[in-house]
C-alpha atoms as a PDB file:
ATOM      1  CA  MET A   1       0.000   0.000   0.000  1.00  0.00           C
ATOM      2  CA  ARG A   2       1.294   3.438  -0.950  1.00  0.00           C
ATOM      3  CA  PHE A   3       2.109   5.523   2.086  1.00  0.00           C
ATOM      4  CA  ASP A   4       0.182   8.590   0.915  1.00  0.00           C
ATOM      5  CA  THR A   5      -2.946   6.420   0.619  1.00  0.00           C
ATOM      6  CA  PHE A   6      -2.297   4.896   4.043  1.00  0.00           C
ATOM      7  CA  LEU A   7      -1.728   8.291   5.667  1.00  0.00           C
ATOM      8  CA  LYS A   8      -5.012   9.731   4.411  1.00  0.00           C
ATOM      9  CA  SER A   9      -6.956   6.846   5.931  1.00  0.00           C
ATOM     10  CA  VAL A  10      -5.051   5.932   9.088  1.00  0.00           C
ATOM     11  CA  VAL A  11      -5.863   9.226  10.850  1.00  0.00           C
ATOM     12  CA  LYS A  12      -9.463   8.005  11.050  1.00  0.00           C
ATOM     13  CA  ILE A  13      -8.501   5.504  13.753  1.00  0.00           C
ATOM     14  CA  LYS A  14      -8.427   8.426  16.198  1.00  0.00           C
ATOM     15  CA  HIS A  15     -12.220   8.297  16.211  1.00  0.00           C
ATOM     16  CA  LEU A  16     -12.596   4.521  16.509  1.00  0.00           C
ATOM     17  CA  GLN A  17     -13.445   2.733  19.721  1.00  0.00           C
ATOM     18  CA  LEU A  18     -10.724   0.432  21.016  1.00  0.00           C
ATOM     19  CA  LEU A  19     -11.483  -3.279  20.758  1.00  0.00           C
ATOM     20  CA  GLY A  20      -9.344  -4.459  23.677  1.00  0.00           C
ATOM     21  CA  GLU A  21     -10.032  -8.000  24.835  1.00  0.00           C
ATOM     22  CA  GLN A  22     -12.214  -8.688  21.800  1.00  0.00           C
ATOM     23  CA  SER A  23      -9.168  -8.379  19.539  1.00  0.00           C
ATOM     24  CA  HIS A  24      -6.600  -9.652  22.039  1.00  0.00           C
ATOM     25  CA  ALA A  25      -8.494 -12.926  22.474  1.00  0.00           C
ATOM     26  CA  LYS A  26      -8.067 -13.836  18.798  1.00  0.00           C
ATOM     27  CA  MET A  27      -4.283 -14.016  19.185  1.00  0.00           C
ATOM     28  CA  SER A  28      -4.122 -15.130  22.805  1.00  0.00           C
ATOM     29  CA  PRO A  29      -2.337 -18.356  23.841  1.00  0.00           C
ATOM     30  CA  PRO A  30      -4.903 -20.806  25.284  1.00  0.00           C
ATOM     31  CA  TYR A  31      -3.468 -20.742  28.799  1.00  0.00           C
ATOM     32  CA  ARG A  32      -3.131 -16.971  29.044  1.00  0.00           C
ATOM     33  CA  LEU A  33      -6.544 -16.047  30.451  1.00  0.00           C
ATOM     34  CA  GLU A  34      -6.155 -18.515  33.295  1.00  0.00           C
ATOM     35  CA  LEU A  35      -2.652 -17.261  34.069  1.00  0.00           C
ATOM     36  CA  ALA A  36      -3.727 -13.608  33.963  1.00  0.00           C
ATOM     37  CA  GLU A  37      -6.660 -14.331  36.268  1.00  0.00           C
ATOM     38  CA  LYS A  38      -4.371 -16.026  38.786  1.00  0.00           C
ATOM     39  CA  MET A  39      -2.117 -12.960  38.802  1.00  0.00           C
ATOM     40  CA  LYS A  40      -4.897 -10.358  38.884  1.00  0.00           C
ATOM     41  CA  ALA A  41      -3.926  -9.232  42.366  1.00  0.00           C
ATOM     42  CA  LYS A  42      -0.485  -8.266  41.055  1.00  0.00           C
ATOM     43  CA  HIS A  43      -1.857  -5.857  38.439  1.00  0.00           C
ATOM     44  CA  LYS A  44      -1.828  -2.894  40.828  1.00  0.00           C
ATOM     45  CA  ASN A  45       1.872  -3.461  41.515  1.00  0.00           C
ATOM     46  CA  ALA A  46       2.820  -4.146  37.912  1.00  0.00           C
ATOM     47  CA  LYS A  47       5.678  -2.281  36.287  1.00  0.00           C
ATOM     48  CA  THR A  48       4.680  -0.165  33.291  1.00  0.00           C
ATOM     49  CA  ALA A  49       6.092  -0.011  29.783  1.00  0.00           C
ATOM     50  CA  GLY A  50       5.328   1.965  26.647  1.00  0.00           C
ATOM     51  CA  VAL A  51       5.785   0.578  23.134  1.00  0.00           C
ATOM     52  CA  MET A  52       5.364   2.000  19.648  1.00  0.00           C
ATOM     53  CA  ALA A  53       3.725   0.582  16.521  1.00  0.00           C
ATOM     54  CA  LEU A  54       5.386   2.913  14.034  1.00  0.00           C
ATOM     55  CA  PHE A  55       4.340   3.029  10.370  1.00  0.00           C
ATOM     56  CA  TYR A  56       6.488   4.827   7.806  1.00  0.00           C
ATOM     57  CA  PRO A  57       7.320   5.001   4.061  1.00  0.00           C
ATOM     58  CA  ASN A  58      10.226   3.043   2.627  1.00  0.00           C
ATOM     59  CA  THR A  59      12.337   4.274  -0.285  1.00  0.00           C
ATOM     60  CA  GLU A  60       9.645   3.167  -2.754  1.00  0.00           C
ATOM     61  CA  HIS A  61       6.973   5.042  -0.756  1.00  0.00           C
ATOM     62  CA  GLU A  62       5.314   1.824   0.365  1.00  0.00           C
ATOM     63  CA  THR A  63       3.966   1.540   3.928  1.00  0.00           C
ATOM     64  CA  TYR A  64       5.983  -0.407   6.477  1.00  0.00           C
ATOM     65  CA  LEU A  65       5.850  -1.220  10.204  1.00  0.00           C
ATOM     66  CA  VAL A  66       9.024  -1.560  12.287  1.00  0.00           C
ATOM     67  CA  LEU A  67       9.467  -4.389  14.789  1.00  0.00           C
ATOM     68  CA  ILE A  68      12.570  -5.560  16.623  1.00  0.00           C
ATOM     69  CA  LEU A  69      14.129  -8.916  17.434  1.00  0.00           C
ATOM     70  CA  ARG A  70      15.371  -8.796  21.007  1.00  0.00           C
ATOM     71  CA  LYS A  71      18.753 -10.118  22.060  1.00  0.00           C
ATOM     72  CA  THR A  72      19.111 -13.534  23.657  1.00  0.00           C
ATOM     73  CA  TYR A  73      19.378 -13.052  27.405  1.00  0.00           C
ATOM     74  CA  LYS A  74      18.234 -14.572  30.698  1.00  0.00           C
ATOM     75  CA  GLY A  75      14.659 -13.344  30.696  1.00  0.00           C
ATOM     76  CA  VAL A  76      11.120 -14.222  29.626  1.00  0.00           C
ATOM     77  CA  HIS A  77      11.243 -12.135  26.430  1.00  0.00           C
ATOM     78  CA  SER A  78      14.622 -13.389  25.232  1.00  0.00           C
ATOM     79  CA  ALA A  79      14.991 -13.647  21.425  1.00  0.00           C
ATOM     80  CA  GLN A  80      11.372 -12.632  20.833  1.00  0.00           C
ATOM     81  CA  VAL A  81       9.956 -10.216  18.280  1.00  0.00           C
ATOM     82  CA  GLY A  82       8.365  -7.095  19.737  1.00  0.00           C
ATOM     83  CA  PHE A  83       7.749  -3.406  19.294  1.00  0.00           C
ATOM     84  CA  PRO A  84      10.353  -0.761  20.046  1.00  0.00           C
ATOM     85  CA  GLY A  85       9.708   0.357  23.604  1.00  0.00           C
ATOM     86  CA  GLY A  86      10.533  -0.272  27.196  1.00  0.00           C
ATOM     87  CA  LYS A  87      10.097   0.462  30.868  1.00  0.00           C
ATOM     88  CA  TYR A  88       8.746   3.725  32.243  1.00  0.00           C
ATOM     89  CA  GLU A  89      11.453   5.877  33.845  1.00  0.00           C
ATOM     90  CA  GLU A  90      11.106   8.834  36.185  1.00  0.00           C
ATOM     91  CA  VAL A  91      12.450  11.155  33.475  1.00  0.00           C
ATOM     92  CA  ASP A  92       9.359  10.413  31.349  1.00  0.00           C
ATOM     93  CA  ARG A  93       6.411  12.814  31.520  1.00  0.00           C
ATOM     94  CA  ASP A  94       3.961   9.994  30.773  1.00  0.00           C
ATOM     95  CA  ILE A  95       3.821   6.532  29.221  1.00  0.00           C
ATOM     96  CA  MET A  96       3.652   7.938  25.681  1.00  0.00           C
ATOM     97  CA  ASP A  97       6.879   9.789  26.403  1.00  0.00           C
ATOM     98  CA  THR A  98       8.337   6.438  27.465  1.00  0.00           C
ATOM     99  CA  ALA A  99       7.397   4.865  24.133  1.00  0.00           C
ATOM    100  CA  LEU A 100       8.883   7.784  22.188  1.00  0.00           C
ATOM    101  CA  ARG A 101      12.119   7.817  24.195  1.00  0.00           C
ATOM    102  CA  GLU A 102      12.603   4.061  23.983  1.00  0.00           C
ATOM    103  CA  THR A 103      11.885   4.043  20.237  1.00  0.00           C
ATOM    104  CA  GLU A 104      14.634   6.600  19.739  1.00  0.00           C
ATOM    105  CA  GLU A 105      17.009   4.609  21.930  1.00  0.00           C
ATOM    106  CA  GLU A 106      16.314   1.193  20.397  1.00  0.00           C
ATOM    107  CA  VAL A 107      15.947   1.965  16.676  1.00  0.00           C
ATOM    108  CA  GLY A 108      17.313   5.491  16.331  1.00  0.00           C
ATOM    109  CA  VAL A 109      14.111   7.274  15.289  1.00  0.00           C
ATOM    110  CA  PRO A 110      14.108  10.829  16.708  1.00  0.00           C
ATOM    111  CA  VAL A 111      11.063  11.895  18.695  1.00  0.00           C
ATOM    112  CA  SER A 112      10.598  14.837  16.322  1.00  0.00           C
ATOM    113  CA  ALA A 113       9.971  12.428  13.413  1.00  0.00           C
ATOM    114  CA  VAL A 114       7.105  10.582  15.133  1.00  0.00           C
ATOM    115  CA  GLN A 115       3.430  11.560  15.222  1.00  0.00           C
ATOM    116  CA  VAL A 116       1.442   9.500  17.724  1.00  0.00           C
ATOM    117  CA  LEU A 117      -2.089   8.892  16.458  1.00  0.00           C
ATOM    118  CA  LYS A 118      -3.708   6.838  19.193  1.00  0.00           C
ATOM    119  CA  PRO A 119      -2.958   4.943  22.395  1.00  0.00           C
ATOM    120  CA  MET A 120      -4.169   1.354  22.173  1.00  0.00           C
ATOM    121  CA  SER A 121      -5.574  -0.935  24.844  1.00  0.00           C
ATOM    122  CA  PRO A 122      -3.071  -1.724  27.614  1.00  0.00           C
ATOM    123  CA  LEU A 123      -2.131  -5.372  28.044  1.00  0.00           C
ATOM    124  CA  TYR A 124      -0.931  -7.134  31.174  1.00  0.00           C
ATOM    125  CA  ILE A 125       2.044  -9.490  30.732  1.00  0.00           C
ATOM    126  CA  PRO A 126       1.890 -12.171  33.471  1.00  0.00           C
ATOM    127  CA  PRO A 127       5.406 -13.693  33.119  1.00  0.00           C
ATOM    128  CA  SER A 128       7.176 -10.354  33.605  1.00  0.00           C
ATOM    129  CA  ASN A 129       4.460  -8.543  35.634  1.00  0.00           C
ATOM    130  CA  PHE A 130       4.342  -5.600  33.213  1.00  0.00           C
ATOM    131  CA  MET A 131       1.378  -3.524  32.078  1.00  0.00           C
ATOM    132  CA  VAL A 132       2.246  -2.532  28.524  1.00  0.00           C
ATOM    133  CA  TYR A 133       0.764   0.525  26.826  1.00  0.00           C
ATOM    134  CA  PRO A 134       1.032   0.375  23.014  1.00  0.00           C
ATOM    135  CA  HIS A 135       0.691   3.428  20.750  1.00  0.00           C
ATOM    136  CA  VAL A 136       0.068   3.704  17.013  1.00  0.00           C
ATOM    137  CA  ALA A 137       2.214   6.308  15.292  1.00  0.00           C
ATOM    138  CA  VAL A 138       3.406   7.407  11.876  1.00  0.00           C
ATOM    139  CA  SER A 139       6.528   9.016  10.513  1.00  0.00           C
ATOM    140  CA  GLU A 140       6.054  10.868   7.257  1.00  0.00           C
ATOM    141  CA  VAL A 141       9.763  10.829   6.462  1.00  0.00           C
ATOM    142  CA  LYS A 142      11.980   7.970   5.356  1.00  0.00           C
ATOM    143  CA  LEU A 143      13.820   6.558   8.333  1.00  0.00           C
ATOM    144  CA  ASN A 144      17.412   5.477   8.814  1.00  0.00           C
ATOM    145  CA  PHE A 145      17.270   2.951  11.615  1.00  0.00           C
ATOM    146  CA  ILE A 146      20.149   2.597  14.054  1.00  0.00           C
ATOM    147  CA  LYS A 147      19.751  -0.383  16.338  1.00  0.00           C
ATOM    148  CA  GLN A 148      20.780  -0.375  19.968  1.00  0.00           C
ATOM    149  CA  ASP A 149      23.284  -3.211  19.961  1.00  0.00           C
ATOM    150  CA  GLU A 150      22.943  -3.938  23.686  1.00  0.00           C
ATOM    151  CA  GLU A 151      19.248  -4.871  23.441  1.00  0.00           C
ATOM    152  CA  VAL A 152      18.306  -5.275  19.784  1.00  0.00           C
ATOM    153  CA  GLU A 153      19.469  -8.210  17.682  1.00  0.00           C
ATOM    154  CA  ASP A 154      17.793  -7.078  14.474  1.00  0.00           C
ATOM    155  CA  ILE A 155      15.380  -4.515  13.057  1.00  0.00           C
ATOM    156  CA  ILE A 156      12.454  -6.048  11.173  1.00  0.00           C
ATOM    157  CA  GLU A 157      10.718  -3.956   8.509  1.00  0.00           C
ATOM    158  CA  VAL A 158       7.284  -5.415   7.698  1.00  0.00           C
ATOM    159  CA  ASN A 159       5.273  -4.434   4.629  1.00  0.00           C
ATOM    160  CA  ILE A 160       1.779  -3.452   5.746  1.00  0.00           C
ATOM    161  CA  ASP A 161       0.196  -5.623   3.056  1.00  0.00           C
ATOM    162  CA  SER A 162       1.919  -8.637   4.597  1.00  0.00           C
ATOM    163  CA  PHE A 163       0.761  -7.611   8.068  1.00  0.00           C
ATOM    164  CA  LEU A 164      -2.868  -7.198   6.966  1.00  0.00           C
ATOM    165  CA  ASP A 165      -2.935 -10.477   4.997  1.00  0.00           C
ATOM    166  CA  ASP A 166      -4.894 -13.085   6.970  1.00  0.00           C
ATOM    167  CA  ALA A 167      -2.813 -15.789   5.287  1.00  0.00           C
ATOM    168  CA  ASN A 168       0.037 -14.736   7.572  1.00  0.00           C
ATOM    169  CA  ILE A 169      -1.845 -15.726  10.712  1.00  0.00           C
ATOM    170  CA  ILE A 170      -0.718 -19.225  11.630  1.00  0.00           C
ATOM    171  CA  THR A 171      -0.743 -21.692  14.500  1.00  0.00           C
ATOM    172  CA  THR A 172       2.607 -22.587  15.991  1.00  0.00           C
ATOM    173  CA  ARG A 173       3.822 -24.729  18.889  1.00  0.00           C
ATOM    174  CA  VAL A 174       5.735 -23.004  21.666  1.00  0.00           C
ATOM    175  CA  PRO A 175       7.166 -24.036  25.052  1.00  0.00           C
ATOM    176  CA  THR A 176       5.538 -22.654  28.205  1.00  0.00           C
ATOM    177  CA  SER A 177       6.539 -22.108  31.811  1.00  0.00           C
ATOM    178  CA  PHE A 178       4.508 -25.245  32.595  1.00  0.00           C
ATOM    179  CA  ASN A 179       7.164 -27.386  30.843  1.00  0.00           C
ATOM    180  CA  VAL A 180       4.745 -28.370  28.088  1.00  0.00           C
ATOM    181  CA  GLU A 181       4.340 -27.215  24.503  1.00  0.00           C
ATOM    182  CA  VAL A 182       1.062 -25.710  23.326  1.00  0.00           C
ATOM    183  CA  ASP A 183      -0.393 -24.531  20.028  1.00  0.00           C
ATOM    184  CA  VAL A 184      -0.794 -20.757  19.854  1.00  0.00           C
ATOM    185  CA  PRO A 185      -1.989 -18.299  17.190  1.00  0.00           C
ATOM    186  CA  ALA A 186       0.794 -16.195  15.695  1.00  0.00           C
ATOM    187  CA  PHE A 187       1.756 -13.860  12.883  1.00  0.00           C
ATOM    188  CA  LYS A 188       4.400 -15.001  10.415  1.00  0.00           C
ATOM    189  CA  LEU A 189       6.159 -11.825   9.307  1.00  0.00           C
ATOM    190  CA  ASN A 190       9.408 -11.681   7.327  1.00  0.00           C
ATOM    191  CA  GLY A 191      10.082 -15.271   8.335  1.00  0.00           C
ATOM    192  CA  HIS A 192       9.711 -14.499  12.051  1.00  0.00           C
ATOM    193  CA  ILE A 193       7.045 -16.033  14.283  1.00  0.00           C
ATOM    194  CA  VAL A 194       5.336 -13.341  16.389  1.00  0.00           C
ATOM    195  CA  TRP A 195       3.170 -14.656  19.210  1.00  0.00           C
ATOM    196  CA  GLY A 196       2.056 -13.868  22.742  1.00  0.00           C
ATOM    197  CA  ALA A 197       1.589 -10.282  23.896  1.00  0.00           C
ATOM    198  CA  THR A 198       3.032  -8.695  20.742  1.00  0.00           C
ATOM    199  CA  ALA A 199       0.691 -10.739  18.541  1.00  0.00           C
ATOM    200  CA  MET A 200      -2.255  -9.750  20.742  1.00  0.00           C
ATOM    201  CA  MET A 201      -1.420  -6.046  20.439  1.00  0.00           C
ATOM    202  CA  LEU A 202      -0.848  -6.418  16.699  1.00  0.00           C
ATOM    203  CA  GLY A 203      -4.253  -8.076  16.484  1.00  0.00           C
ATOM    204  CA  GLU A 204      -6.020  -5.015  17.847  1.00  0.00           C
ATOM    205  CA  ILE A 205      -4.054  -2.694  15.574  1.00  0.00           C
ATOM    206  CA  LYS A 206      -4.906  -4.836  12.566  1.00  0.00           C
ATOM    207  CA  ASP A 207      -8.610  -4.913  13.442  1.00  0.00           C
ATOM    208  CA  LEU A 208      -8.708  -1.113  13.696  1.00  0.00           C
ATOM    209  CA  LEU A 209      -6.754  -0.572  10.493  1.00  0.00           C
ATOM    210  CA  LYS A 210      -9.097  -2.851   8.572  1.00  0.00           C
ATOM    211  CA  GLN A 211     -11.958  -0.528   9.522  1.00  0.00           C
ATOM    212  CA  VAL A 212     -10.358   2.483   7.828  1.00  0.00           C
ATOM    213  CA  LEU A 213      -8.153   1.159   5.003  1.00  0.00           C
END
């Protein structure tokens, strides 16, 4: 999809009602609701994070979305695909400021180049006890990504047509903290399997975009 066409339509999502759990459930692992319910008491003490779903034009003026592949480390999100973003810090004015700051740190996109269109539904992450606040944003300029080597293994540029194509929703088998493997819904994007919380947030974004594009 041409970026000028995308830009004219995507601003309409500002006026759409968020879909929240309705969309999240489509991409949710089967055990997640039970796990989240068990940890409901921890929600009020959860750490907070802001992430950014950033759409932009590539050199051919086609619309793309940037994701990142996280480094392998000792943690629950090791080597997973996610959005640029991270933990709220005291220097941040609010959680949107967190998402903007972390996006600049992780992929080198300056805050001045990003226009946030809409905050999406927050999502609780049981394994790490985080409440994550995603935001949809656009950059109208071509971007030169610079990855943060300490945290980012790779930058993944996804064509929006691939993201919106239902053929790229698959079922995959993943290990769980219960020492068993389960089948979960996932996106297959640029050869990467995207599941769990990121897939759930992508699901809501996709459902909103399909209402305006």
